[in-house]
């Protein structure tokens, strides 16, 4: 075999490896985009619930227990760890646990990763 043949073989190997790497990176990117779509679908409506929470702390609105629990579940599924910690801190800061007696440290500890 001549040097030309070796160059062709090495070139073909690099092309095939590049093709697999490109395919892997594209798949990873598509999964990340889909995850972001699901995350935004859930977390954007959560802003309304957070505003209701804030208003309830100021005494303007009553808290809906089911809505808060749903918000917490959505955050567990789709939010990052730091966002979930902020939500837990927000709930504890507002003394929502003592006021409403529906969200205690024990269930939060069981639900958080």
N, C-alpha and C. Protein backbone atom coordinates (compact mmCIF):
# COMPACT_ATOMS: atom_id res chain seq x y z
N UNK A 1 0.83 -1.18 0.00
CA UNK A 1 0.00 0.00 0.00
C UNK A 1 0.88 1.25 0.00
N UNK A 2 0.42 2.17 -0.76
CA UNK A 2 1.16 3.42 -0.87
C UNK A 2 0.65 4.44 0.16
N UNK A 3 1.37 5.50 0.27
CA UNK A 3 1.02 6.57 1.21
C UNK A 3 -0.34 7.18 0.87
N UNK A 4 -0.69 7.21 -0.44
CA UNK A 4 -1.98 7.74 -0.87
C UNK A 4 -3.12 6.90 -0.30
N UNK A 5 -2.93 5.61 -0.26
CA UNK A 5 -3.96 4.71 0.27
C UNK A 5 -4.16 4.94 1.78
N UNK A 6 -3.05 5.11 2.48
CA UNK A 6 -3.13 5.36 3.92
C UNK A 6 -3.82 6.70 4.21
N UNK A 7 -3.55 7.67 3.42
CA UNK A 7 -4.19 8.98 3.60
C UNK A 7 -5.69 8.85 3.38
N UNK A 8 -6.10 8.08 2.38
CA UNK A 8 -7.54 7.88 2.11
C UNK A 8 -8.20 7.14 3.27
N UNK A 9 -7.54 6.13 3.82
CA UNK A 9 -8.12 5.36 4.94
C UNK A 9 -8.25 6.24 6.18
N UNK A 10 -7.22 7.00 6.50
CA UNK A 10 -7.25 7.87 7.67
C UNK A 10 -8.31 8.96 7.50
N UNK A 11 -8.43 9.50 6.31
CA UNK A 11 -9.44 10.52 6.04
C UNK A 11 -10.84 9.94 6.23
N UNK A 12 -11.07 8.73 5.73
CA UNK A 12 -12.38 8.09 5.88
C UNK A 12 -12.70 7.84 7.35
N UNK A 13 -11.70 7.41 8.13
CA UNK A 13 -11.92 7.17 9.56
C UNK A 13 -12.29 8.48 10.26
N UNK A 14 -11.60 9.56 9.95
CA UNK A 14 -11.92 10.86 10.55
C UNK A 14 -13.32 11.33 10.17
N UNK A 15 -13.71 11.10 8.94
CA UNK A 15 -15.05 11.50 8.50
C UNK A 15 -16.12 10.71 9.26
N UNK A 16 -15.92 9.42 9.42
CA UNK A 16 -16.89 8.58 10.13
C UNK A 16 -16.96 8.99 11.61
N UNK A 17 -15.81 9.19 12.23
CA UNK A 17 -15.80 9.62 13.64
C UNK A 17 -16.48 10.97 13.78
N UNK A 18 -16.21 11.90 12.89
CA UNK A 18 -16.86 13.21 12.92
C UNK A 18 -18.36 13.11 12.74
N UNK A 19 -18.79 12.20 11.92
CA UNK A 19 -20.22 11.99 11.69
C UNK A 19 -20.90 11.51 12.97
N UNK A 20 -20.30 10.56 13.68
CA UNK A 20 -20.87 10.05 14.92
C UNK A 20 -20.86 11.12 16.02
N UNK A 21 -19.79 11.87 16.13
CA UNK A 21 -19.71 12.93 17.14
C UNK A 21 -20.77 13.99 16.85
N UNK A 22 -20.91 14.38 15.61
CA UNK A 22 -21.91 15.38 15.23
C UNK A 22 -23.32 14.88 15.55
N UNK A 23 -23.60 13.63 15.25
CA UNK A 23 -24.90 13.04 15.54
C UNK A 23 -25.18 13.05 17.04
N UNK A 24 -24.19 12.67 17.84
CA UNK A 24 -24.34 12.65 19.29
C UNK A 24 -24.62 14.06 19.83
N UNK A 25 -23.85 15.04 19.38
CA UNK A 25 -24.03 16.41 19.86
C UNK A 25 -25.37 17.00 19.43
N UNK A 26 -25.81 16.70 18.22
CA UNK A 26 -27.13 17.18 17.76
C UNK A 26 -28.25 16.58 18.60
N UNK A 27 -28.14 15.30 18.92
CA UNK A 27 -29.17 14.64 19.74
C UNK A 27 -29.21 15.26 21.13
N UNK A 28 -28.04 15.50 21.70
CA UNK A 28 -27.97 16.11 23.01
C UNK A 28 -28.61 17.51 23.00
N UNK A 29 -28.37 18.25 21.94
CA UNK A 29 -28.95 19.59 21.80
C UNK A 29 -30.47 19.52 21.68
N UNK A 30 -30.98 18.59 20.90
CA UNK A 30 -32.43 18.46 20.73
C UNK A 30 -33.10 18.07 22.04
N UNK A 31 -32.50 17.20 22.81
CA UNK A 31 -33.06 16.81 24.11
C UNK A 31 -33.08 18.00 25.04
N UNK A 32 -32.02 18.80 25.04
CA UNK A 32 -31.97 19.99 25.89
C UNK A 32 -33.05 21.00 25.49
N UNK A 33 -33.29 21.16 24.20
CA UNK A 33 -34.34 22.09 23.74
C UNK A 33 -35.72 21.60 24.16
N UNK A 34 -35.96 20.31 24.04
CA UNK A 34 -37.26 19.75 24.43
C UNK A 34 -37.47 19.89 25.94
N UNK A 35 -36.42 19.65 26.72
CA UNK A 35 -36.50 19.80 28.17
C UNK A 35 -36.83 21.25 28.52
N UNK A 36 -36.22 22.19 27.82
CA UNK A 36 -36.50 23.60 28.06
C UNK A 36 -37.94 23.94 27.72
N UNK A 37 -38.47 23.37 26.63
CA UNK A 37 -39.87 23.60 26.27
C UNK A 37 -40.80 23.15 27.38
N UNK A 38 -40.59 21.93 27.89
CA UNK A 38 -41.43 21.41 28.97
C UNK A 38 -41.30 22.26 30.23
N UNK A 39 -40.07 22.66 30.51
CA UNK A 39 -39.80 23.46 31.71
C UNK A 39 -40.52 24.81 31.64
N UNK A 40 -40.42 25.47 30.51
CA UNK A 40 -41.08 26.77 30.36
C UNK A 40 -42.59 26.64 30.40
N UNK A 41 -43.10 25.55 29.84
CA UNK A 41 -44.54 25.30 29.84
C UNK A 41 -45.10 25.23 31.26
N UNK A 42 -44.31 24.72 32.18
CA UNK A 42 -44.76 24.55 33.56
C UNK A 42 -44.40 25.75 34.43
N UNK A 43 -43.20 26.26 34.27
CA UNK A 43 -42.73 27.28 35.21
C UNK A 43 -43.29 28.67 34.94
N UNK A 44 -43.62 28.99 33.70
CA UNK A 44 -44.17 30.32 33.42
C UNK A 44 -45.54 30.50 34.10
N UNK A 45 -46.46 29.53 34.03
CA UNK A 45 -47.72 29.71 34.77
C UNK A 45 -47.52 29.73 36.29
N UNK A 46 -46.40 29.22 36.75
CA UNK A 46 -46.13 29.22 38.20
C UNK A 46 -45.95 30.62 38.73
N UNK A 47 -45.62 31.56 37.87
CA UNK A 47 -45.44 32.95 38.30
C UNK A 47 -46.74 33.48 38.89
N UNK A 48 -47.87 33.13 38.29
CA UNK A 48 -49.17 33.58 38.81
C UNK A 48 -49.39 33.06 40.22
N UNK A 49 -49.04 31.79 40.44
CA UNK A 49 -49.19 31.21 41.77
C UNK A 49 -48.27 31.90 42.77
N UNK A 50 -47.05 32.21 42.35
CA UNK A 50 -46.13 32.91 43.24
C UNK A 50 -46.65 34.30 43.59
N UNK A 51 -47.29 34.97 42.64
CA UNK A 51 -47.89 36.27 42.93
C UNK A 51 -49.04 36.15 43.93
N UNK A 52 -49.83 35.09 43.79
CA UNK A 52 -50.91 34.84 44.76
C UNK A 52 -50.31 34.58 46.14
N UNK A 53 -49.22 33.84 46.16
CA UNK A 53 -48.53 33.59 47.44
C UNK A 53 -48.09 34.91 48.07
N UNK A 54 -47.48 35.77 47.27
CA UNK A 54 -47.02 37.06 47.78
C UNK A 54 -48.20 37.88 48.30
N UNK A 55 -49.29 37.91 47.55
CA UNK A 55 -50.47 38.67 47.98
C UNK A 55 -51.06 38.08 49.26
N UNK A 56 -50.99 36.78 49.41
CA UNK A 56 -51.52 36.17 50.63
C UNK A 56 -50.68 36.54 51.84
N UNK A 57 -49.38 36.71 51.62
CA UNK A 57 -48.51 37.14 52.73
C UNK A 57 -48.85 38.56 53.16
N UNK A 58 -49.30 39.35 52.21
CA UNK A 58 -49.69 40.74 52.52
C UNK A 58 -51.13 40.83 52.99
N UNK A 59 -51.84 39.70 53.03
CA UNK A 59 -53.22 39.67 53.51
C UNK A 59 -54.24 40.05 52.47
N UNK A 60 -53.85 40.11 51.21
CA UNK A 60 -54.78 40.52 50.15
C UNK A 60 -55.59 39.35 49.59
N UNK A 61 -55.03 38.15 49.64
CA UNK A 61 -55.71 36.98 49.07
C UNK A 61 -55.53 35.79 49.98
N UNK A 62 -56.44 34.84 49.87
CA UNK A 62 -56.29 33.59 50.61
C UNK A 62 -55.45 32.61 49.79
N UNK A 63 -54.80 31.71 50.50
CA UNK A 63 -53.95 30.72 49.84
C UNK A 63 -54.77 29.48 49.53
N UNK A 64 -54.64 29.00 48.32
CA UNK A 64 -55.27 27.76 47.92
C UNK A 64 -54.27 26.63 48.12
N UNK A 65 -54.57 25.75 49.04
CA UNK A 65 -53.66 24.66 49.42
C UNK A 65 -53.26 23.82 48.22
N UNK A 66 -54.21 23.44 47.41
CA UNK A 66 -53.93 22.58 46.25
C UNK A 66 -53.01 23.27 45.24
N UNK A 67 -53.22 24.56 45.09
CA UNK A 67 -52.40 25.31 44.13
C UNK A 67 -50.93 25.37 44.57
N UNK A 68 -50.71 25.55 45.87
CA UNK A 68 -49.35 25.59 46.40
C UNK A 68 -48.69 24.23 46.27
N UNK A 69 -49.42 23.18 46.59
CA UNK A 69 -48.85 21.83 46.46
C UNK A 69 -48.54 21.50 45.00
N UNK A 70 -49.40 21.92 44.09
CA UNK A 70 -49.15 21.71 42.65
C UNK A 70 -47.90 22.47 42.22
N UNK A 71 -47.77 23.71 42.71
CA UNK A 71 -46.59 24.52 42.40
C UNK A 71 -45.33 23.81 42.89
N UNK A 72 -45.37 23.28 44.09
CA UNK A 72 -44.21 22.60 44.65
C UNK A 72 -43.88 21.35 43.83
N UNK A 73 -44.89 20.61 43.42
CA UNK A 73 -44.65 19.41 42.59
C UNK A 73 -44.05 19.79 41.24
N UNK A 74 -44.57 20.83 40.61
CA UNK A 74 -44.03 21.26 39.33
C UNK A 74 -42.58 21.69 39.46
N UNK A 75 -42.29 22.39 40.54
CA UNK A 75 -40.91 22.82 40.75
C UNK A 75 -40.00 21.62 40.95
N UNK A 76 -40.49 20.59 41.64
CA UNK A 76 -39.67 19.40 41.84
C UNK A 76 -39.37 18.70 40.53
N UNK A 77 -40.33 18.68 39.64
CA UNK A 77 -40.14 17.98 38.37
C UNK A 77 -39.29 18.76 37.38
N UNK A 78 -39.50 20.06 37.30
CA UNK A 78 -38.91 20.82 36.19
C UNK A 78 -37.91 21.90 36.59
N UNK A 79 -37.88 22.27 37.85
CA UNK A 79 -36.98 23.37 38.25
C UNK A 79 -35.61 22.82 38.62
N UNK A 80 -34.66 23.73 38.60
CA UNK A 80 -33.32 23.37 39.06
C UNK A 80 -33.33 23.31 40.59
N UNK A 81 -32.27 22.73 41.13
CA UNK A 81 -32.19 22.58 42.59
C UNK A 81 -32.20 23.94 43.29
N UNK A 82 -31.50 24.91 42.75
CA UNK A 82 -31.47 26.23 43.40
C UNK A 82 -32.85 26.90 43.37
N UNK A 83 -33.61 26.70 42.30
CA UNK A 83 -34.96 27.27 42.23
C UNK A 83 -35.89 26.61 43.24
N UNK A 84 -35.74 25.31 43.42
CA UNK A 84 -36.55 24.59 44.40
C UNK A 84 -36.20 25.06 45.81
N UNK A 85 -34.92 25.27 46.08
CA UNK A 85 -34.52 25.78 47.39
C UNK A 85 -35.09 27.17 47.64
N UNK A 86 -35.11 28.01 46.61
CA UNK A 86 -35.70 29.35 46.76
C UNK A 86 -37.19 29.26 47.06
N UNK A 87 -37.90 28.35 46.40
CA UNK A 87 -39.33 28.19 46.68
C UNK A 87 -39.54 27.73 48.11
N UNK A 88 -38.76 26.76 48.57
CA UNK A 88 -38.88 26.29 49.95
C UNK A 88 -38.58 27.42 50.93
N UNK A 89 -37.57 28.21 50.63
CA UNK A 89 -37.21 29.34 51.50
C UNK A 89 -38.35 30.36 51.51
N UNK A 90 -38.96 30.59 50.35
CA UNK A 90 -40.08 31.53 50.25
C UNK A 90 -41.25 31.06 51.11
N UNK A 91 -41.53 29.77 51.05
CA UNK A 91 -42.64 29.20 51.84
C UNK A 91 -42.33 29.33 53.33
N UNK A 92 -41.10 29.01 53.71
CA UNK A 92 -40.73 29.09 55.13
C UNK A 92 -40.68 30.54 55.61
N UNK A 93 -40.19 31.45 54.78
CA UNK A 93 -40.09 32.86 55.16
C UNK A 93 -41.47 33.44 55.42
N UNK A 94 -42.44 33.04 54.61
CA UNK A 94 -43.80 33.57 54.77
C UNK A 94 -44.56 32.92 55.89
N UNK A 95 -43.92 32.00 56.62
CA UNK A 95 -44.59 31.28 57.71
C UNK A 95 -45.86 30.60 57.22
N UNK A 96 -45.85 30.18 55.98
CA UNK A 96 -47.04 29.54 55.43
C UNK A 96 -47.30 28.21 56.11
N UNK A 97 -46.25 27.59 56.59
CA UNK A 97 -46.42 26.30 57.25
C UNK A 97 -47.22 26.47 58.54
N UNK A 98 -46.88 27.48 59.33
CA UNK A 98 -47.58 27.68 60.59
C UNK A 98 -48.98 28.24 60.37
N UNK A 99 -49.13 29.14 59.40
CA UNK A 99 -50.42 29.78 59.14
C UNK A 99 -51.47 28.77 58.68
N UNK A 100 -51.08 27.89 57.79
CA UNK A 100 -52.06 27.03 57.14
C UNK A 100 -51.98 25.57 57.54
N UNK A 101 -50.89 25.20 58.17
CA UNK A 101 -50.71 23.86 58.67
C UNK A 101 -50.92 22.81 57.57
N UNK A 102 -50.48 23.10 56.37
CA UNK A 102 -50.60 22.09 55.31
C UNK A 102 -49.26 21.72 54.71
N UNK A 103 -48.24 22.49 54.98
CA UNK A 103 -46.92 22.20 54.43
C UNK A 103 -45.94 22.25 55.58
N UNK A 104 -45.48 21.11 56.00
CA UNK A 104 -44.55 21.06 57.15
C UNK A 104 -43.19 20.64 56.66
N UNK A 105 -42.21 20.75 57.55
CA UNK A 105 -40.84 20.37 57.19
C UNK A 105 -40.76 18.91 56.79
N UNK A 106 -41.52 18.07 57.46
CA UNK A 106 -41.42 16.64 57.18
C UNK A 106 -41.82 16.28 55.75
N UNK A 107 -43.00 16.70 55.24
CA UNK A 107 -43.29 16.39 53.84
C UNK A 107 -42.32 17.04 52.86
N UNK A 108 -41.88 18.27 53.17
CA UNK A 108 -40.91 18.91 52.29
C UNK A 108 -39.63 18.11 52.22
N UNK A 109 -39.19 17.59 53.35
CA UNK A 109 -37.96 16.80 53.37
C UNK A 109 -38.14 15.52 52.57
N UNK A 110 -39.32 14.94 52.61
CA UNK A 110 -39.56 13.71 51.84
C UNK A 110 -39.66 13.98 50.36
N UNK A 111 -40.11 15.17 49.97
CA UNK A 111 -40.33 15.47 48.56
C UNK A 111 -39.08 15.99 47.87
N UNK A 112 -38.24 16.70 48.60
CA UNK A 112 -37.08 17.29 47.96
C UNK A 112 -36.00 16.26 47.74
N UNK A 113 -35.28 16.36 46.61
CA UNK A 113 -34.26 15.35 46.32
C UNK A 113 -33.05 15.48 47.21
